Amino acid sequence: MLHRHPILGLLTTVYLAFVGWVTLGPQPLDESNSGFIFKMLRVLDRYEATAWINYNTLEFSANVAMFFPIGLFLVLLFGRRLWWLAMALGCGITVVIETAQLFIPGRVSDPRDLVANSAGAILGVLIGLLLTARKARQLREAKAARAAQAARPPRARSMAGSTR
């Protein structure tokens, strides 16, 4: 798998390392009340159309977004037939992260993170399946055409190749 897709394998490894750094680092990013996230929330709160966006909504959405690429990369790496493995691994990664956070000072393990991270990974797998569906159908049709061609008797094959 990695030998067939070395760049995708490397990209997946780098992204997983980034997620590990963000989720297992010694403390959450931007926790101060004057940080970028809280400034952005204050701006969003000024407008009626975006006032519904609060810290919990933003955090949940960020967790979904962070795990989306994991599901996408895994389904591309493993292939369409192993979509279930990509989903299971994406959900398993979040279980490992949330369990590890129980033992890291300054980190908080939250069941909502399990839901958000798993949803992101599953969504990534589903989008990956959608993005590769057309190519997979083309490959199946080409394989079926080759099988039909090979199943013909030798004389019928040679006559099918002539233009007379």
C-alpha atoms as a PDB file:
ATOM      1  CA  MET A   1       0.000   0.000   0.000  1.00  0.00           C
ATOM      2  CA  LEU A   2       2.652   2.549   0.979  1.00  0.00           C
ATOM      3  CA  HIS A   3       4.966   1.374  -1.792  1.00  0.00           C
ATOM      4  CA  ARG A   4       2.195   2.022  -4.350  1.00  0.00           C
ATOM      5  CA  HIS A   5       1.405   5.487  -2.962  1.00  0.00           C
ATOM      6  CA  PRO A   6       4.565   6.831  -1.323  1.00  0.00           C
ATOM      7  CA  ILE A   7       3.605  10.519  -1.530  1.00  0.00           C
ATOM      8  CA  LEU A   8       0.110   9.889  -0.166  1.00  0.00           C
ATOM      9  CA  GLY A   9       1.633   7.716   2.567  1.00  0.00           C
ATOM     10  CA  LEU A  10       4.065  10.470   3.496  1.00  0.00           C
ATOM     11  CA  LEU A  11       1.327  13.125   3.437  1.00  0.00           C
ATOM     12  CA  THR A  12      -0.878  10.935   5.653  1.00  0.00           C
ATOM     13  CA  THR A  13       1.971  10.361   8.110  1.00  0.00           C
ATOM     14  CA  VAL A  14       2.774  14.078   8.290  1.00  0.00           C
ATOM     15  CA  TYR A  15      -0.882  14.965   8.812  1.00  0.00           C
ATOM     16  CA  LEU A  16      -1.283  12.323  11.535  1.00  0.00           C
ATOM     17  CA  ALA A  17       1.806  13.744  13.268  1.00  0.00           C
ATOM     18  CA  PHE A  18       0.261  17.230  13.075  1.00  0.00           C
ATOM     19  CA  VAL A  19      -3.006  15.956  14.577  1.00  0.00           C
ATOM     20  CA  GLY A  20      -1.034  14.197  17.306  1.00  0.00           C
ATOM     21  CA  TRP A  21       0.844  17.412  18.088  1.00  0.00           C
ATOM     22  CA  VAL A  22      -2.372  19.467  18.242  1.00  0.00           C
ATOM     23  CA  THR A  23      -4.376  16.958  20.282  1.00  0.00           C
ATOM     24  CA  LEU A  24      -1.683  15.556  22.561  1.00  0.00           C
ATOM     25  CA  GLY A  25       0.421  18.666  23.152  1.00  0.00           C
ATOM     26  CA  PRO A  26       0.825  19.831  26.731  1.00  0.00           C
ATOM     27  CA  GLN A  27      -2.009  22.368  26.581  1.00  0.00           C
ATOM     28  CA  PRO A  28      -4.840  23.449  24.267  1.00  0.00           C
ATOM     29  CA  LEU A  29      -4.031  26.078  21.681  1.00  0.00           C
ATOM     30  CA  ASP A  30      -5.253  29.637  22.183  1.00  0.00           C
ATOM     31  CA  GLU A  31      -6.932  29.175  25.555  1.00  0.00           C
ATOM     32  CA  SER A  32      -6.609  32.806  26.665  1.00  0.00           C
ATOM     33  CA  ASN A  33      -9.708  34.999  26.555  1.00  0.00           C
ATOM     34  CA  SER A  34      -7.875  37.481  24.331  1.00  0.00           C
ATOM     35  CA  GLY A  35      -6.773  34.853  21.803  1.00  0.00           C
ATOM     36  CA  PHE A  36      -7.704  34.720  18.132  1.00  0.00           C
ATOM     37  CA  ILE A  37     -10.583  32.287  18.624  1.00  0.00           C
ATOM     38  CA  PHE A  38     -12.337  34.437  21.202  1.00  0.00           C
ATOM     39  CA  LYS A  39     -11.768  37.587  19.149  1.00  0.00           C
ATOM     40  CA  MET A  40     -13.342  35.837  16.168  1.00  0.00           C
ATOM     41  CA  LEU A  41     -16.302  34.710  18.304  1.00  0.00           C
ATOM     42  CA  ARG A  42     -16.856  38.300  19.486  1.00  0.00           C
ATOM     43  CA  VAL A  43     -16.913  39.472  15.855  1.00  0.00           C
ATOM     44  CA  LEU A  44     -19.352  36.723  14.875  1.00  0.00           C
ATOM     45  CA  ASP A  45     -21.572  37.607  17.834  1.00  0.00           C
ATOM     46  CA  ARG A  46     -22.048  41.155  16.488  1.00  0.00           C
ATOM     47  CA  TYR A  47     -24.073  39.922  13.497  1.00  0.00           C
ATOM     48  CA  GLU A  48     -27.474  38.301  13.773  1.00  0.00           C
ATOM     49  CA  ALA A  49     -26.747  35.754  11.029  1.00  0.00           C
ATOM     50  CA  THR A  50     -23.670  34.401  12.849  1.00  0.00           C
ATOM     51  CA  ALA A  51     -24.625  35.008  16.497  1.00  0.00           C
ATOM     52  CA  TRP A  52     -25.565  31.322  16.882  1.00  0.00           C
ATOM     53  CA  ILE A  53     -21.893  30.344  16.518  1.00  0.00           C
ATOM     54  CA  ASN A  54     -20.465  29.875  19.992  1.00  0.00           C
ATOM     55  CA  TYR A  55     -17.304  28.276  21.350  1.00  0.00           C
ATOM     56  CA  ASN A  56     -18.828  24.775  21.536  1.00  0.00           C
ATOM     57  CA  THR A  57     -20.118  24.964  17.954  1.00  0.00           C
ATOM     58  CA  LEU A  58     -16.769  26.226  16.722  1.00  0.00           C
ATOM     59  CA  GLU A  59     -14.814  23.570  18.626  1.00  0.00           C
ATOM     60  CA  PHE A  60     -17.080  20.753  17.399  1.00  0.00           C
ATOM     61  CA  SER A  61     -16.782  21.984  13.791  1.00  0.00           C
ATOM     62  CA  ALA A  62     -13.006  22.310  14.106  1.00  0.00           C
ATOM     63  CA  ASN A  63     -12.757  18.721  15.356  1.00  0.00           C
ATOM     64  CA  VAL A  64     -14.854  17.466  12.439  1.00  0.00           C
ATOM     65  CA  ALA A  65     -12.691  19.473  10.026  1.00  0.00           C
ATOM     66  CA  MET A  66      -9.450  18.220  11.590  1.00  0.00           C
ATOM     67  CA  PHE A  67     -10.414  14.543  11.204  1.00  0.00           C
ATOM     68  CA  PHE A  68     -11.971  14.872   7.740  1.00  0.00           C
ATOM     69  CA  PRO A  69      -8.566  14.609   5.977  1.00  0.00           C
ATOM     70  CA  ILE A  70      -7.694  11.524   8.029  1.00  0.00           C
ATOM     71  CA  GLY A  71     -10.729   9.653   6.683  1.00  0.00           C
ATOM     72  CA  LEU A  72     -10.062  10.908   3.163  1.00  0.00           C
ATOM     73  CA  PHE A  73      -6.360   9.995   3.209  1.00  0.00           C
ATOM     74  CA  LEU A  74      -7.033   6.559   4.686  1.00  0.00           C
ATOM     75  CA  VAL A  75      -9.654   5.583   2.118  1.00  0.00           C
ATOM     76  CA  LEU A  76      -7.368   6.779  -0.689  1.00  0.00           C
ATOM     77  CA  LEU A  77      -4.458   4.878   0.842  1.00  0.00           C
ATOM     78  CA  PHE A  78      -6.306   1.620   1.545  1.00  0.00           C
ATOM     79  CA  GLY A  79      -8.564   1.707  -1.514  1.00  0.00           C
ATOM     80  CA  ARG A  80     -12.320   1.620  -1.939  1.00  0.00           C
ATOM     81  CA  ARG A  81     -12.677  -2.042  -0.975  1.00  0.00           C
ATOM     82  CA  LEU A  82     -11.292  -1.343   2.492  1.00  0.00           C
ATOM     83  CA  TRP A  83     -13.498   1.683   3.197  1.00  0.00           C
ATOM     84  CA  TRP A  84     -14.682   0.044   6.406  1.00  0.00           C
ATOM     85  CA  LEU A  85     -11.072  -0.240   7.620  1.00  0.00           C
ATOM     86  CA  ALA A  86     -10.502   3.455   6.929  1.00  0.00           C
ATOM     87  CA  MET A  87     -13.614   4.299   8.978  1.00  0.00           C
ATOM     88  CA  ALA A  88     -12.631   1.967  11.810  1.00  0.00           C
ATOM     89  CA  LEU A  89      -9.081   3.298  11.905  1.00  0.00           C
ATOM     90  CA  GLY A  90     -10.260   6.925  11.826  1.00  0.00           C
ATOM     91  CA  CYS A  91     -12.596   6.259  14.765  1.00  0.00           C
ATOM     92  CA  GLY A  92      -9.916   4.198  16.520  1.00  0.00           C
ATOM     93  CA  ILE A  93      -7.426   7.056  16.287  1.00  0.00           C
ATOM     94  CA  THR A  94      -9.826   9.365  18.087  1.00  0.00           C
ATOM     95  CA  VAL A  95     -10.412   6.787  20.836  1.00  0.00           C
ATOM     96  CA  VAL A  96      -6.641   6.514  21.333  1.00  0.00           C
ATOM     97  CA  ILE A  97      -6.267  10.307  21.427  1.00  0.00           C
ATOM     98  CA  GLU A  98      -9.115  10.855  23.885  1.00  0.00           C
ATOM     99  CA  THR A  99      -7.844   8.033  26.116  1.00  0.00           C
ATOM    100  CA  ALA A 100      -4.309   9.452  26.061  1.00  0.00           C
ATOM    101  CA  GLN A 101      -5.656  12.890  26.993  1.00  0.00           C
ATOM    102  CA  LEU A 102      -6.896  11.428  30.279  1.00  0.00           C
ATOM    103  CA  PHE A 103      -3.268  11.072  31.346  1.00  0.00           C
ATOM    104  CA  ILE A 104      -1.846  14.352  30.011  1.00  0.00           C
ATOM    105  CA  PRO A 105      -1.875  17.294  32.434  1.00  0.00           C
ATOM    106  CA  GLY A 106      -3.724  20.276  31.010  1.00  0.00           C
ATOM    107  CA  ARG A 107      -5.670  18.214  28.466  1.00  0.00           C
ATOM    108  CA  VAL A 108      -9.347  17.347  28.764  1.00  0.00           C
ATOM    109  CA  SER A 109     -10.899  14.217  27.285  1.00  0.00           C
ATOM    110  CA  ASP A 110     -14.443  14.911  26.103  1.00  0.00           C
ATOM    111  CA  PRO A 111     -17.026  12.447  24.716  1.00  0.00           C
ATOM    112  CA  ARG A 112     -18.192  15.166  22.295  1.00  0.00           C
ATOM    113  CA  ASP A 113     -14.705  15.090  20.793  1.00  0.00           C
ATOM    114  CA  LEU A 114     -15.127  11.364  20.145  1.00  0.00           C
ATOM    115  CA  VAL A 115     -18.326  12.110  18.254  1.00  0.00           C
ATOM    116  CA  ALA A 116     -16.902  15.078  16.329  1.00  0.00           C
ATOM    117  CA  ASN A 117     -13.605  13.395  15.424  1.00  0.00           C
ATOM    118  CA  SER A 118     -15.326  10.172  14.372  1.00  0.00           C
ATOM    119  CA  ALA A 119     -17.877  12.116  12.340  1.00  0.00           C
ATOM    120  CA  GLY A 120     -15.057  13.945  10.580  1.00  0.00           C
ATOM    121  CA  ALA A 121     -13.211  10.729   9.756  1.00  0.00           C
ATOM    122  CA  ILE A 122     -16.400   9.027   8.526  1.00  0.00           C
ATOM    123  CA  LEU A 123     -17.317  12.071   6.439  1.00  0.00           C
ATOM    124  CA  GLY A 124     -13.814  12.036   4.930  1.00  0.00           C
ATOM    125  CA  VAL A 125     -14.191   8.374   3.979  1.00  0.00           C
ATOM    126  CA  LEU A 126     -17.618   8.998   2.413  1.00  0.00           C
ATOM    127  CA  ILE A 127     -16.374  11.989   0.407  1.00  0.00           C
ATOM    128  CA  GLY A 128     -13.363   9.912  -0.678  1.00  0.00           C
ATOM    129  CA  LEU A 129     -15.708   7.196  -1.911  1.00  0.00           C
ATOM    130  CA  LEU A 130     -17.761   9.770  -3.812  1.00  0.00           C
ATOM    131  CA  LEU A 131     -14.676  11.342  -5.373  1.00  0.00           C
ATOM    132  CA  THR A 132     -13.356   7.985  -6.563  1.00  0.00           C
ATOM    133  CA  ALA A 133     -16.694   6.478  -7.669  1.00  0.00           C
ATOM    134  CA  ARG A 134     -16.450   7.568 -11.324  1.00  0.00           C
ATOM    135  CA  LYS A 135     -12.918   6.223 -11.776  1.00  0.00           C
ATOM    136  CA  ALA A 136     -13.863   2.970 -10.023  1.00  0.00           C
ATOM    137  CA  ARG A 137     -16.838   2.531 -12.364  1.00  0.00           C
ATOM    138  CA  GLN A 138     -14.610   3.149 -15.399  1.00  0.00           C
ATOM    139  CA  LEU A 139     -12.113   0.561 -14.167  1.00  0.00           C
ATOM    140  CA  ARG A 140     -14.885  -2.009 -13.567  1.00  0.00           C
ATOM    141  CA  GLU A 141     -16.312  -1.421 -17.048  1.00  0.00           C
ATOM    142  CA  ALA A 142     -12.877  -1.753 -18.657  1.00  0.00           C
ATOM    143  CA  LYS A 143     -12.234  -4.969 -16.721  1.00  0.00           C
ATOM    144  CA  ALA A 144     -15.607  -6.371 -17.773  1.00  0.00           C
ATOM    145  CA  ALA A 145     -14.894  -5.477 -21.421  1.00  0.00           C
ATOM    146  CA  ARG A 146     -11.493  -7.225 -21.239  1.00  0.00           C
ATOM    147  CA  ALA A 147     -13.109 -10.282 -19.658  1.00  0.00           C
ATOM    148  CA  ALA A 148     -15.798 -10.372 -22.367  1.00  0.00           C
ATOM    149  CA  GLN A 149     -13.120 -10.034 -25.057  1.00  0.00           C
ATOM    150  CA  ALA A 150     -11.075 -12.858 -23.538  1.00  0.00           C
ATOM    151  CA  ALA A 151     -14.168 -15.107 -23.289  1.00  0.00           C
ATOM    152  CA  ARG A 152     -14.849 -14.947 -27.036  1.00  0.00           C
ATOM    153  CA  PRO A 153     -13.578 -17.808 -29.172  1.00  0.00           C
ATOM    154  CA  PRO A 154     -10.266 -17.044 -30.951  1.00  0.00           C
ATOM    155  CA  ARG A 155     -11.881 -16.791 -34.401  1.00  0.00           C
ATOM    156  CA  ALA A 156     -14.520 -14.314 -33.170  1.00  0.00           C
ATOM    157  CA  ARG A 157     -11.784 -12.176 -31.612  1.00  0.00           C
ATOM    158  CA  SER A 158      -9.802 -11.965 -34.853  1.00  0.00           C
ATOM    159  CA  MET A 159     -12.912 -11.121 -36.844  1.00  0.00           C
ATOM    160  CA  ALA A 160     -13.916  -8.432 -34.338  1.00  0.00           C
ATOM    161  CA  GLY A 161     -10.550  -6.759 -34.895  1.00  0.00           C
ATOM    162  CA  SER A 162     -11.008  -6.550 -38.698  1.00  0.00           C
ATOM    163  CA  THR A 163     -12.812  -3.611 -40.254  1.00  0.00           C
ATOM    164  CA  ARG A 164     -14.345  -5.474 -43.201  1.00  0.00           C
END
